[in-house]
Amino acid sequence: MDILGLILLSLALSLILAFFLCPLFFKSCPERGSLSPGPPAFPLVGNLFWLRHSFCEIESVLRRLRDTYGPMVTIHIGFVPTVVISDADLAYSILVEKGSLFADRPPTTPVLRVLSGDQCVVSDCRYGPAWRVLRRNMTAVILHPSRIKEFSHYRRRAGGVHKDELRRQAEVGEPVAVLDSFRYAFISLFASMCFGENLEEKTVREIQRVQHDISVHFVKVNVFLILPRVGNYIYWRLWRKIGEIRRRQEGLLVPLIKARRERSEEMKKRGEDSFQFSYGDSLLNLELPDEEGRKRKLREEEIISLCSEILTAGTDTTVTVLQWIMANLVKHQHIQARLFEEISAVVRDGEDVEEEDLGKLPFLRAVIMEGLRRHPPAHFLLPHSPVEDATVEGYLIPRGTNVNVTVTEMNWNSKVWSNPMEFRPERFLPGGEGEGLEITCRKEIKMLTFGAGRRACPALDLAMLHLGYFVADMVREFEWNAVNGEDVDMSEQMEFTIVMKTPLKATLLPRARNTKQIL
C-alpha cells in the first residue's frame, strides 16, 4: 500500500473512532467551558457540515445555525474553533470597542503562507509592530490624498484605454462582454501604481492571468483548513498547482522589482528624483522589526506578496462591485437615465469626466454606496483573532480563535434597510435611511463592506474614487442596454470575491449618437 493509501486508511479509522468518542469531546451547547453555543462537532474534522456542503453553500448553512443558536455561534473547522458573529451590536463591540483586543489574525495554512510571504501582507499580517510598519507604508505611499492625486494620470490613461476597448467592441454591433475590459483596466492601473510606469500590454496581460489564477485557487485552498496537518498530502495536486502559480508570479514580478531597484540606484547616483515614485519603490528600503526588536530589510518573496496584495485585492474587489453596479444600471434604466442627467449637468459637452467633478454628483455617490451595500465583494470579513482570552456577552473567546463577522447580515438587515434586497440608490439621498451614513463605522455599524476598527480596509477612499470615476465615465460615454431586451441574470457565484455567475453582457450605444433620445 502506498503512502496516500495509508493516509486515507488512517483518516477513515480516525473518523470511525471519532464517531464513538464524540460525546466526550464537543457538545452542542455552551456547557463546554463557556464558549458560545453551536452544533455538535467531531474530533479531527469538527462539524460534519463541512463534509456535506461546499464552501459556496456555507453562508446559507450559517444562517440556519444563527436561527437555532443565536447571533454568536461557535463552530469547528477541523482543529480550529471559529466564532461567527451576525449581529451589528456584537460586531461593533468586537471590531471597534474592543478593536485592539481582536486586531490579530489567526495563523494561516502552509499553502496560504506561500501566497502571502508567510503572512507578510497588510491584510493578513499578525497584529504587532511589523503590521503597523506595513500598513503605515501603504497608507503613506499610495493611499494618502496627495499620493492618490499623483496617480491621476494613470487613472486617465486606464480609463481612456478602457473606453476605447468598449467603443471598439460596440462598433462591431455585437453584445459587449465587459468583464475582461474591466479587469485589464484595473490591473494595468494597479501595476503602474506598484511599479511606477506604464507597462507593455503583453506584460500586463501576463500579470492579469497569473493574478486571476491566484484568485480562482484562493477559494480552493480552503480545503486545507479542515485537515491542515495532512491536507498537503491528500490535496497534493492542488498544492503543486499553487506552487506552479507562485513560480509564474515570481518570474513576472521579480524582473520588475529588480528594474525599479536598478533605476532607483541610478537616479540617486545622478542626484535626480524625477521618476514616478511607486509602491514597489517604497518596499525596497522598508525595514521591519523582528521579535528581538532588530530591523531587517524585506525579503524578495515578501515584496512579491505585498505587490500581489495590491494587484489582486485592488483589482478583484473593485471590478466585482463595478460589474454589479453596471448590471443594475442595465437592469434599472430609470436609475441610469437619472445618473446620466446629473452627470450631463456637471460635465459640459465635449469634455471628459474629471476627478474633481465627482464631489458635485450626489446621485452618483448614492449609486456607488448602494452597490457596495447590496453587492459587497466579500460576504465575510477576513477572520479576526483575540490577542488574549476574551469575553463577549458572557461567552469565552480563547486566544487564537477565528472570529468571522458576516457582512451581509449588516448590509441586508431589514431592521435598518427597507426592502434590503432591492437596488435603490435613493436610500443614500436626503430623507433615506442611509442619509449621512458613516461608512467607516466609527459610531455604529449599518453597513460593513469595508470592515471596521483597526483592521478596516485602508483603501476605502481610493476604492470610492475608482468606482465613482469609472462609473461616471462609462455612463457619460455610453448608453447601457440589456441584450435583446433580456433580463440581467443577477445570480451570485463565489470566487475570490462574490461575482456574477453569468458575467455581464450589454449593448453599448455611444452617447454622441443618442443624446436626444436619452434626454
Protein backbone atom coordinates (compact mmCIF):
# COMPACT_ATOMS: atom_id res chain seq x y z
CA MET A 1 0.00 0.00 0.00
CA ASP A 2 1.40 3.43 -0.96
CA ILE A 3 1.68 6.37 1.44
CA LEU A 4 -1.52 8.01 0.17
CA GLY A 5 -3.45 4.79 0.82
CA LEU A 6 -2.09 4.64 4.37
CA ILE A 7 -3.09 8.23 5.00
CA LEU A 8 -6.65 7.66 3.73
CA LEU A 9 -6.97 4.45 5.79
CA SER A 10 -5.77 6.29 8.91
CA LEU A 11 -8.23 9.06 8.25
CA ALA A 12 -11.12 6.61 7.86
CA LEU A 13 -10.23 4.85 11.13
CA SER A 14 -9.93 8.20 12.89
CA LEU A 15 -13.41 9.21 11.73
CA ILE A 16 -14.91 5.93 12.95
CA LEU A 17 -13.21 6.35 16.32
CA ALA A 18 -14.33 9.97 16.48
CA PHE A 19 -17.96 8.95 15.96
CA PHE A 20 -17.95 6.87 19.12
CA LEU A 21 -15.91 9.31 21.19
CA CYS A 22 -17.78 12.41 20.04
CA PRO A 23 -19.82 12.88 23.27
CA LEU A 24 -16.57 13.04 25.24
CA PHE A 25 -15.25 15.98 23.24
CA PHE A 26 -17.67 18.57 21.84
CA LYS A 27 -21.20 19.43 22.88
CA SER A 28 -23.94 21.31 21.05
CA CYS A 29 -24.41 23.81 23.84
CA PRO A 30 -22.20 26.18 25.82
CA GLU A 31 -21.62 23.71 28.68
CA ARG A 32 -18.12 23.04 27.35
CA GLY A 33 -16.25 25.79 29.19
CA SER A 34 -18.14 28.98 28.40
CA LEU A 35 -17.93 29.01 24.62
CA SER A 36 -20.92 30.34 22.72
CA PRO A 37 -23.42 27.69 21.55
CA GLY A 38 -23.01 25.76 18.33
CA PRO A 39 -23.72 22.45 16.59
CA PRO A 40 -22.16 19.12 17.64
CA ALA A 41 -18.61 18.59 16.42
CA PHE A 42 -16.39 15.55 15.91
CA PRO A 43 -12.69 15.35 16.78
CA LEU A 44 -10.32 15.87 13.85
CA VAL A 45 -12.94 17.04 11.33
CA GLY A 46 -15.05 19.34 13.51
CA ASN A 47 -18.61 20.00 12.34
CA LEU A 48 -19.75 17.47 9.75
CA PHE A 49 -21.49 20.02 7.51
CA TRP A 50 -18.03 20.92 6.15
CA LEU A 51 -18.03 17.45 4.58
CA ARG A 52 -21.62 17.62 3.29
CA HIS A 53 -21.55 21.13 1.82
CA SER A 54 -19.17 23.07 -0.37
CA PHE A 55 -17.68 26.33 0.87
CA CYS A 56 -20.01 28.12 -1.55
CA GLU A 57 -23.00 26.85 0.46
CA ILE A 58 -21.67 27.69 3.90
CA GLU A 59 -23.38 31.08 4.12
CA SER A 60 -26.87 29.56 3.94
CA VAL A 61 -25.83 26.90 6.48
CA LEU A 62 -24.61 29.60 8.88
CA ARG A 63 -27.92 31.46 8.58
CA ARG A 64 -29.73 28.33 9.75
CA LEU A 65 -27.29 27.98 12.64
CA ARG A 66 -27.91 31.61 13.60
CA ASP A 67 -31.66 30.93 13.74
CA THR A 68 -31.02 27.94 16.01
CA TYR A 69 -28.18 29.14 18.26
CA GLY A 70 -28.31 32.93 18.08
CA PRO A 71 -26.09 35.68 16.62
CA MET A 72 -22.86 34.31 18.14
CA VAL A 73 -22.21 30.71 17.08
CA THR A 74 -19.18 28.51 17.74
CA ILE A 75 -18.31 26.03 15.01
CA HIS A 76 -15.25 23.88 14.36
CA ILE A 77 -13.33 23.57 11.10
CA GLY A 78 -11.05 20.62 11.68
CA PHE A 79 -8.98 21.52 14.74
CA VAL A 80 -9.82 25.21 14.56
CA PRO A 81 -12.64 26.75 16.67
CA THR A 82 -14.45 29.57 14.90
CA VAL A 83 -16.92 32.10 16.27
CA VAL A 84 -19.33 33.56 13.71
CA ILE A 85 -20.88 36.97 14.51
CA SER A 86 -24.09 38.01 12.74
CA ASP A 87 -25.30 40.93 14.88
CA ALA A 88 -24.36 44.59 14.37
CA ASP A 89 -24.02 45.41 18.08
CA LEU A 90 -21.81 42.38 18.70
CA ALA A 91 -19.73 43.23 15.63
CA TYR A 92 -19.30 46.82 16.83
CA SER A 93 -18.21 45.59 20.27
CA ILE A 94 -15.57 43.28 18.79
CA LEU A 95 -14.30 45.40 15.89
CA VAL A 96 -14.45 48.89 17.39
CA GLU A 97 -14.93 48.97 21.17
CA LYS A 98 -12.54 46.06 21.73
CA GLY A 99 -10.65 46.63 18.50
CA SER A 100 -7.14 46.30 19.90
CA LEU A 101 -8.04 43.03 21.63
CA PHE A 102 -9.42 41.47 18.43
CA ALA A 103 -6.96 43.02 15.95
CA ASP A 104 -4.87 39.89 15.39
CA ARG A 105 -5.14 37.43 12.50
CA PRO A 106 -5.15 33.66 13.15
CA PRO A 107 -2.20 31.59 11.90
CA THR A 108 -2.83 30.53 8.33
CA THR A 109 -2.22 27.26 6.50
CA PRO A 110 1.12 26.45 4.82
CA VAL A 111 -0.34 26.86 1.34
CA LEU A 112 -1.64 30.34 2.12
CA ARG A 113 1.69 31.27 3.68
CA VAL A 114 3.27 30.57 0.30
CA LEU A 115 0.96 33.13 -1.34
CA SER A 116 1.31 35.72 1.44
CA GLY A 117 5.05 35.62 2.05
CA ASP A 118 4.46 33.93 5.42
CA GLN A 119 1.65 36.38 6.28
CA CYS A 120 3.79 39.39 5.38
CA VAL A 121 0.95 41.35 3.78
CA VAL A 122 -1.11 44.17 5.29
CA SER A 123 -4.41 42.30 5.18
CA ASP A 124 -3.13 39.07 6.80
CA CYS A 125 -0.14 40.12 8.92
CA ARG A 126 -0.25 39.25 12.62
CA TYR A 127 -1.07 42.25 14.79
CA GLY A 128 2.02 43.99 16.08
CA PRO A 129 4.93 46.27 15.12
CA ALA A 130 5.52 44.66 11.69
CA TRP A 131 1.86 45.14 10.70
CA ARG A 132 1.97 48.78 11.81
CA VAL A 133 5.02 49.41 9.63
CA LEU A 134 3.45 47.72 6.59
CA ARG A 135 0.12 49.49 6.95
CA ARG A 136 1.72 52.88 7.61
CA ASN A 137 3.86 52.48 4.50
CA MET A 138 0.89 51.51 2.30
CA THR A 139 -1.16 54.42 3.60
CA ALA A 140 1.63 56.94 3.05
CA VAL A 141 2.76 55.74 -0.38
CA ILE A 142 -0.44 55.05 -2.33
CA LEU A 143 -3.43 55.88 -0.10
CA HIS A 144 -2.61 59.35 1.20
CA PRO A 145 -4.73 62.03 -0.61
CA SER A 146 -1.62 63.67 -2.07
CA ARG A 147 -0.35 60.33 -3.38
CA ILE A 148 -3.77 59.44 -4.80
CA LYS A 149 -3.70 62.69 -6.75
CA GLU A 150 -0.21 61.94 -8.10
CA PHE A 151 -1.53 58.76 -9.71
CA SER A 152 -4.37 60.55 -11.55
CA HIS A 153 -2.58 60.33 -14.92
CA TYR A 154 -2.56 56.54 -14.58
CA ARG A 155 -6.32 56.59 -13.99
CA ARG A 156 -6.92 58.81 -17.02
CA ARG A 157 -4.80 56.51 -19.16
CA ALA A 158 -6.52 53.35 -17.89
CA GLY A 159 -9.92 54.97 -18.37
CA GLY A 160 -9.05 56.04 -21.92
CA VAL A 161 -7.81 52.57 -22.91
CA HIS A 162 -10.90 51.07 -21.28
CA LYS A 163 -13.32 53.33 -23.19
CA ASP A 164 -11.50 52.71 -26.47
CA GLU A 165 -11.84 48.95 -25.98
CA LEU A 166 -15.55 49.21 -25.16
CA ARG A 167 -16.08 51.51 -28.14
CA ARG A 168 -14.25 49.10 -30.44
CA GLN A 169 -16.45 46.20 -29.31
CA ALA A 170 -19.62 48.29 -29.50
CA GLU A 171 -18.91 49.33 -33.10
CA VAL A 172 -18.95 45.68 -34.17
CA GLY A 173 -22.64 45.64 -33.25
CA GLU A 174 -22.38 42.58 -31.02
CA PRO A 175 -23.16 42.40 -27.28
CA VAL A 176 -20.15 43.54 -25.26
CA ALA A 177 -18.72 41.20 -22.61
CA VAL A 178 -17.29 43.83 -20.28
CA LEU A 179 -15.53 41.79 -17.59
CA ASP A 180 -12.20 41.31 -19.35
CA SER A 181 -12.06 45.01 -20.23
CA PHE A 182 -12.76 45.92 -16.59
CA ARG A 183 -10.02 43.59 -15.35
CA TYR A 184 -7.44 44.81 -17.81
CA ALA A 185 -8.14 48.47 -16.98
CA PHE A 186 -7.64 47.95 -13.25
CA ILE A 187 -4.73 45.52 -13.38
CA SER A 188 -2.89 47.98 -15.63
CA LEU A 189 -3.75 50.82 -13.24
CA PHE A 190 -2.54 48.99 -10.12
CA ALA A 191 0.52 47.60 -11.91
CA SER A 192 1.52 51.20 -12.72
CA MET A 193 0.97 52.20 -9.10
CA CYS A 194 3.13 49.26 -7.97
CA PHE A 195 5.97 49.64 -10.45
CA GLY A 196 5.86 53.32 -11.37
CA GLU A 197 5.46 53.11 -15.12
CA ASN A 198 3.08 52.19 -17.92
CA LEU A 199 3.88 48.57 -18.70
CA GLU A 200 3.54 46.96 -22.12
CA GLU A 201 0.19 45.32 -22.82
CA LYS A 202 1.80 41.86 -23.09
CA THR A 203 3.28 42.20 -19.59
CA VAL A 204 0.02 43.48 -18.14
CA ARG A 205 -1.91 40.60 -19.70
CA GLU A 206 0.52 38.08 -18.22
CA ILE A 207 0.21 39.67 -14.79
CA GLN A 208 -3.57 39.68 -15.19
CA ARG A 209 -3.60 35.94 -15.93
CA VAL A 210 -1.38 34.92 -13.03
CA GLN A 211 -3.22 37.14 -10.53
CA HIS A 212 -6.55 35.78 -11.74
CA ASP A 213 -5.26 32.22 -11.29
CA ILE A 214 -4.33 33.11 -7.71
CA SER A 215 -7.85 34.47 -7.12
CA VAL A 216 -9.51 31.36 -8.58
CA HIS A 217 -7.40 28.98 -6.48
CA PHE A 218 -7.80 31.05 -3.31
CA VAL A 219 -11.22 29.51 -2.63
CA LYS A 220 -9.98 26.00 -3.39
CA VAL A 221 -7.27 26.17 -0.72
CA ASN A 222 -9.97 26.36 1.95
CA VAL A 223 -9.91 22.55 1.93
CA PHE A 224 -6.60 22.77 3.79
CA LEU A 225 -8.42 24.33 6.76
CA ILE A 226 -10.27 21.11 7.56
CA LEU A 227 -7.22 18.84 7.92
CA PRO A 228 -4.22 21.17 7.85
CA ARG A 229 -1.69 18.56 9.01
CA VAL A 230 -2.43 16.03 6.27
CA GLY A 231 -4.10 18.26 3.69
CA ASN A 232 -0.79 18.78 1.90
CA TYR A 233 -0.67 15.04 1.18
CA ILE A 234 -4.34 14.47 0.37
CA TYR A 235 -4.60 17.51 -1.90
CA TRP A 236 -1.08 17.25 -3.29
CA ARG A 237 -2.19 18.16 -6.85
CA LEU A 238 -3.68 21.42 -5.63
CA TRP A 239 -0.55 22.11 -3.54
CA ARG A 240 1.60 21.53 -6.63
CA LYS A 241 -0.63 23.84 -8.71
CA ILE A 242 -0.27 26.63 -6.14
CA GLY A 243 3.49 26.22 -6.30
CA GLU A 244 3.41 26.48 -10.10
CA ILE A 245 1.33 29.66 -9.98
CA ARG A 246 3.66 31.20 -7.42
CA ARG A 247 6.70 30.46 -9.59
CA ARG A 248 4.97 32.06 -12.59
CA GLN A 249 4.23 35.10 -10.46
CA GLU A 250 7.85 35.34 -9.33
CA GLY A 251 9.01 35.08 -12.93
CA LEU A 252 6.86 38.11 -13.83
CA LEU A 253 7.29 40.36 -10.80
CA VAL A 254 10.94 39.78 -9.84
CA PRO A 255 12.30 41.41 -13.05
CA LEU A 256 10.02 44.42 -12.48
CA ILE A 257 11.20 44.76 -8.87
CA LYS A 258 14.86 44.44 -9.89
CA ALA A 259 14.40 47.01 -12.67
CA ARG A 260 12.97 49.51 -10.17
CA ARG A 261 15.87 48.88 -7.78
CA GLU A 262 18.43 49.46 -10.53
CA ARG A 263 16.67 52.58 -11.78
CA SER A 264 16.36 53.98 -8.25
CA GLU A 265 20.08 53.45 -7.59
CA GLU A 266 20.97 55.03 -10.94
CA MET A 267 18.84 58.11 -10.25
CA LYS A 268 20.44 58.52 -6.82
CA LYS A 269 23.91 58.45 -8.34
CA ARG A 270 22.86 61.18 -10.75
CA GLY A 271 21.21 63.17 -7.97
CA GLU A 272 17.86 63.05 -9.79
CA ASP A 273 14.42 62.27 -8.42
CA SER A 274 12.21 62.99 -11.42
CA PHE A 275 10.78 59.49 -11.92
CA GLN A 276 7.36 58.48 -10.58
CA PHE A 277 7.73 57.04 -7.07
CA SER A 278 5.79 53.80 -6.68
CA TYR A 279 4.60 51.38 -4.03
CA GLY A 280 7.27 48.89 -5.11
CA ASP A 281 9.98 51.53 -4.62
CA SER A 282 8.88 52.06 -1.02
CA LEU A 283 9.29 48.35 -0.27
CA LEU A 284 12.92 48.18 -1.43
CA ASN A 285 14.22 50.10 1.57
CA LEU A 286 11.46 49.34 4.08
CA GLU A 287 12.65 47.80 7.34
CA LEU A 288 10.57 45.51 9.55
CA PRO A 289 11.18 44.91 13.27
CA ASP A 290 11.79 41.30 14.25
CA GLU A 291 10.87 39.60 17.53
CA GLU A 292 14.06 40.88 19.19
CA GLY A 293 13.35 44.45 18.12
CA ARG A 294 16.05 44.47 15.46
CA LYS A 295 15.27 45.73 11.98
CA ARG A 296 15.68 43.91 8.69
CA LYS A 297 15.00 44.56 5.02
CA LEU A 298 12.12 42.82 3.28
CA ARG A 299 12.92 39.57 1.53
CA GLU A 300 12.20 39.28 -2.17
CA GLU A 301 9.27 36.90 -1.64
CA GLU A 302 7.74 39.37 0.82
CA ILE A 303 7.97 42.23 -1.69
CA ILE A 304 6.29 39.98 -4.28
CA SER A 305 3.46 39.17 -1.85
CA LEU A 306 2.91 42.83 -0.91
CA CYS A 307 2.73 43.87 -4.58
CA SER A 308 0.45 40.91 -5.30
CA GLU A 309 -1.83 42.05 -2.48
CA ILE A 310 -2.32 45.42 -4.18
CA LEU A 311 -2.78 43.86 -7.62
CA THR A 312 -5.30 41.22 -6.56
CA ALA A 313 -7.25 42.95 -3.79
CA GLY A 314 -7.38 46.28 -5.61
CA THR A 315 -8.43 44.76 -8.92
CA ASP A 316 -10.80 41.96 -7.91
CA THR A 317 -12.82 43.85 -5.31
CA THR A 318 -13.22 46.97 -7.46
CA VAL A 319 -14.03 45.07 -10.65
CA THR A 320 -16.58 42.93 -8.78
CA VAL A 321 -18.50 45.93 -7.42
CA LEU A 322 -18.15 47.80 -10.71
CA GLN A 323 -19.71 44.95 -12.67
CA TRP A 324 -22.60 44.64 -10.19
CA ILE A 325 -23.27 48.40 -10.40
CA MET A 326 -23.28 48.42 -14.20
CA ALA A 327 -25.53 45.34 -14.21
CA ASN A 328 -28.02 47.21 -12.04
CA LEU A 329 -27.86 50.25 -14.33
CA VAL A 330 -28.68 47.97 -17.27
CA LYS A 331 -31.49 46.35 -15.31
CA HIS A 332 -32.91 49.64 -13.96
CA GLN A 333 -32.90 52.05 -16.89
CA HIS A 334 -34.57 54.83 -14.90
CA ILE A 335 -31.60 54.89 -12.49
CA GLN A 336 -29.17 55.08 -15.41
CA ALA A 337 -31.16 57.91 -17.03
CA ARG A 338 -31.20 59.91 -13.80
CA LEU A 339 -27.47 59.38 -13.34
CA PHE A 340 -26.70 60.48 -16.90
CA GLU A 341 -28.82 63.58 -16.42
CA GLU A 342 -26.86 64.51 -13.28
CA ILE A 343 -23.50 63.94 -15.00
CA SER A 344 -24.56 65.96 -18.04
CA ALA A 345 -25.48 68.91 -15.82
CA VAL A 346 -21.95 68.98 -14.38
CA VAL A 347 -19.73 67.85 -17.27
CA ARG A 348 -20.09 70.02 -20.37
CA ASP A 349 -20.44 68.64 -23.91
CA GLY A 350 -17.16 67.53 -25.41
CA GLU A 351 -15.41 67.28 -22.05
CA ASP A 352 -14.36 64.18 -20.15
CA VAL A 353 -15.32 63.41 -16.58
CA GLU A 354 -12.64 64.70 -14.21
CA GLU A 355 -11.98 63.50 -10.68
CA GLU A 356 -12.83 66.99 -9.39
CA ASP A 357 -16.37 66.56 -10.78
CA LEU A 358 -17.21 63.59 -8.55
CA GLY A 359 -17.89 65.72 -5.46
CA LYS A 360 -20.65 67.52 -7.38
CA LEU A 361 -22.55 64.31 -8.17
CA PRO A 362 -24.58 63.21 -5.12
CA PHE A 363 -26.70 60.70 -7.02
CA LEU A 364 -23.55 59.07 -8.38
CA ARG A 365 -22.29 58.65 -4.83
CA ALA A 366 -25.67 57.17 -3.85
CA VAL A 367 -25.40 54.65 -6.69
CA ILE A 368 -21.91 53.66 -5.56
CA MET A 369 -22.98 53.33 -1.92
CA GLU A 370 -25.97 51.20 -2.87
CA GLY A 371 -23.73 48.98 -4.99
CA LEU A 372 -21.40 48.49 -2.03
CA ARG A 373 -24.32 47.79 0.31
CA ARG A 374 -26.27 45.41 -1.92
CA HIS A 375 -23.28 43.66 -3.51
CA PRO A 376 -20.34 43.61 -1.07
CA PRO A 377 -17.43 41.85 -2.77
CA ALA A 378 -16.92 39.66 0.32
CA HIS A 379 -19.76 38.30 2.45
CA PHE A 380 -17.43 37.79 5.44
CA LEU A 381 -14.65 39.93 6.81
CA LEU A 382 -11.20 38.41 6.95
CA PRO A 383 -11.03 36.48 10.23
CA HIS A 384 -10.03 38.35 13.37
CA SER A 385 -8.43 36.70 16.39
CA PRO A 386 -8.07 37.86 20.01
CA VAL A 387 -4.53 38.51 21.23
CA GLU A 388 -5.55 37.01 24.59
CA ASP A 389 -8.56 35.21 26.04
CA ALA A 390 -11.59 37.49 25.75
CA THR A 391 -15.17 37.54 26.96
CA VAL A 392 -18.07 38.81 24.84
CA GLU A 393 -21.67 38.68 26.05
CA GLY A 394 -20.55 36.32 28.81
CA TYR A 395 -19.01 33.80 26.42
CA LEU A 396 -15.33 32.94 26.25
CA ILE A 397 -13.40 33.51 23.02
CA PRO A 398 -9.99 31.90 23.62
CA ARG A 399 -6.80 33.37 22.23
CA GLY A 400 -6.17 32.15 18.68
CA THR A 401 -9.85 31.56 17.90
CA ASN A 402 -11.04 32.54 14.42
CA VAL A 403 -13.68 35.27 14.68
CA ASN A 404 -15.69 35.74 11.49
CA VAL A 405 -18.16 38.60 11.00
CA THR A 406 -20.96 38.27 8.44
CA VAL A 407 -21.04 41.36 6.21
CA THR A 408 -24.38 40.60 4.57
CA GLU A 409 -26.19 40.33 7.90
CA MET A 410 -25.41 44.03 8.39
CA ASN A 411 -25.80 45.21 4.79
CA TRP A 412 -29.10 43.39 4.29
CA ASN A 413 -30.61 43.88 7.75
CA SER A 414 -34.34 44.52 7.26
CA LYS A 415 -34.46 46.35 10.60
CA VAL A 416 -32.16 49.00 9.13
CA TRP A 417 -32.87 48.87 5.39
CA SER A 418 -36.38 48.78 3.91
CA ASN A 419 -36.67 46.06 1.24
CA PRO A 420 -32.93 45.40 1.61
CA MET A 421 -32.58 43.17 -1.45
CA GLU A 422 -33.78 45.93 -3.80
CA PHE A 423 -31.23 48.14 -5.56
CA ARG A 424 -32.41 51.62 -4.56
CA PRO A 425 -29.78 54.41 -4.50
CA GLU A 426 -32.32 56.88 -3.08
CA ARG A 427 -31.60 55.34 0.32
CA PHE A 428 -28.44 57.45 0.45
CA LEU A 429 -30.06 60.75 -0.52
CA PRO A 430 -31.63 63.18 1.99
CA GLY A 431 -34.58 61.52 3.72
CA GLY A 432 -33.37 57.98 3.05
CA GLU A 433 -32.33 55.50 5.75
CA GLY A 434 -28.72 55.77 4.59
CA GLU A 435 -28.52 59.56 4.67
CA GLY A 436 -25.26 60.66 6.25
CA LEU A 437 -24.14 57.06 6.82
CA GLU A 438 -20.59 56.87 8.11
CA ILE A 439 -19.04 54.08 6.08
CA THR A 440 -16.07 53.84 8.47
CA CYS A 441 -18.44 52.61 11.22
CA ARG A 442 -16.85 54.69 13.97
CA LYS A 443 -20.16 55.25 15.80
CA GLU A 444 -22.30 52.29 14.71
CA ILE A 445 -22.49 49.53 12.13
CA LYS A 446 -25.21 49.67 9.50
CA MET A 447 -23.08 48.61 6.55
CA LEU A 448 -19.82 46.67 6.83
CA THR A 449 -18.46 46.43 3.29
CA PHE A 450 -15.06 47.93 4.22
CA GLY A 451 -14.89 46.43 7.70
CA ALA A 452 -14.47 48.49 10.87
CA GLY A 453 -11.91 49.26 13.52
CA ARG A 454 -8.17 48.75 13.32
CA ARG A 455 -8.27 46.13 10.57
CA ALA A 456 -10.74 48.02 8.36
CA CYS A 457 -9.82 48.32 4.69
CA PRO A 458 -7.26 51.15 4.43
CA ALA A 459 -8.09 51.72 0.73
CA LEU A 460 -11.67 52.93 1.30
CA ASP A 461 -11.13 56.39 -0.22
CA LEU A 462 -9.24 55.02 -3.21
CA ALA A 463 -11.98 52.45 -3.89
CA MET A 464 -14.69 55.12 -3.74
CA LEU A 465 -12.69 57.30 -6.15
CA HIS A 466 -12.12 54.49 -8.64
CA LEU A 467 -15.74 53.36 -8.60
CA GLY A 468 -17.10 56.88 -8.95
CA TYR A 469 -14.69 57.84 -11.72
CA PHE A 470 -15.20 54.73 -13.86
CA VAL A 471 -18.99 54.55 -13.43
CA ALA A 472 -19.38 58.23 -14.32
CA ASP A 473 -17.04 57.87 -17.29
CA MET A 474 -18.87 54.84 -18.71
CA VAL A 475 -22.36 56.31 -18.25
CA ARG A 476 -21.18 59.57 -19.76
CA GLU A 477 -19.75 57.74 -22.81
CA PHE A 478 -22.34 55.01 -23.46
CA GLU A 479 -25.98 54.12 -23.05
CA TRP A 480 -26.05 50.67 -21.46
CA ASN A 481 -28.90 48.37 -22.53
CA ALA A 482 -29.82 44.73 -21.99
CA VAL A 483 -29.05 42.31 -24.80
CA ASN A 484 -32.18 41.82 -26.93
CA GLY A 485 -34.28 43.17 -24.06
CA GLU A 486 -33.48 40.11 -21.92
CA ASP A 487 -33.39 40.38 -18.14
CA VAL A 488 -29.98 40.53 -16.48
CA ASP A 489 -29.01 37.38 -14.55
CA MET A 490 -28.18 38.61 -11.03
CA SER A 491 -27.19 35.18 -9.66
CA GLU A 492 -24.07 35.08 -7.49
CA GLN A 493 -21.02 32.83 -7.58
CA MET A 494 -18.19 32.57 -5.07
CA GLU A 495 -14.64 33.08 -6.33
CA PHE A 496 -12.05 35.28 -4.61
CA THR A 497 -15.00 37.69 -4.36
CA ILE A 498 -18.75 37.21 -4.83
CA VAL A 499 -19.09 37.66 -8.58
CA MET A 500 -21.88 37.49 -11.15
CA LYS A 501 -22.48 33.85 -12.05
CA THR A 502 -23.18 34.99 -15.62
CA PRO A 503 -20.74 37.81 -16.43
CA LEU A 504 -22.40 40.96 -17.68
CA LYS A 505 -23.06 41.43 -21.38
CA ALA A 506 -24.67 44.63 -22.62
CA THR A 507 -25.46 46.52 -25.79
CA LEU A 508 -23.49 49.78 -25.71
CA LEU A 509 -24.57 52.81 -27.75
CA PRO A 510 -22.17 55.77 -27.85
CA ARG A 511 -23.93 58.77 -26.30
CA ALA A 512 -22.98 61.12 -29.16
CA ARG A 513 -25.45 59.24 -31.38
CA ASN A 514 -28.20 59.03 -28.77
CA THR A 515 -28.16 62.25 -26.73
CA LYS A 516 -31.54 63.47 -27.99
CA GLN A 517 -33.16 60.09 -27.43
CA ILE A 518 -31.92 59.85 -23.87
CA LEU A 519 -32.79 63.40 -22.87
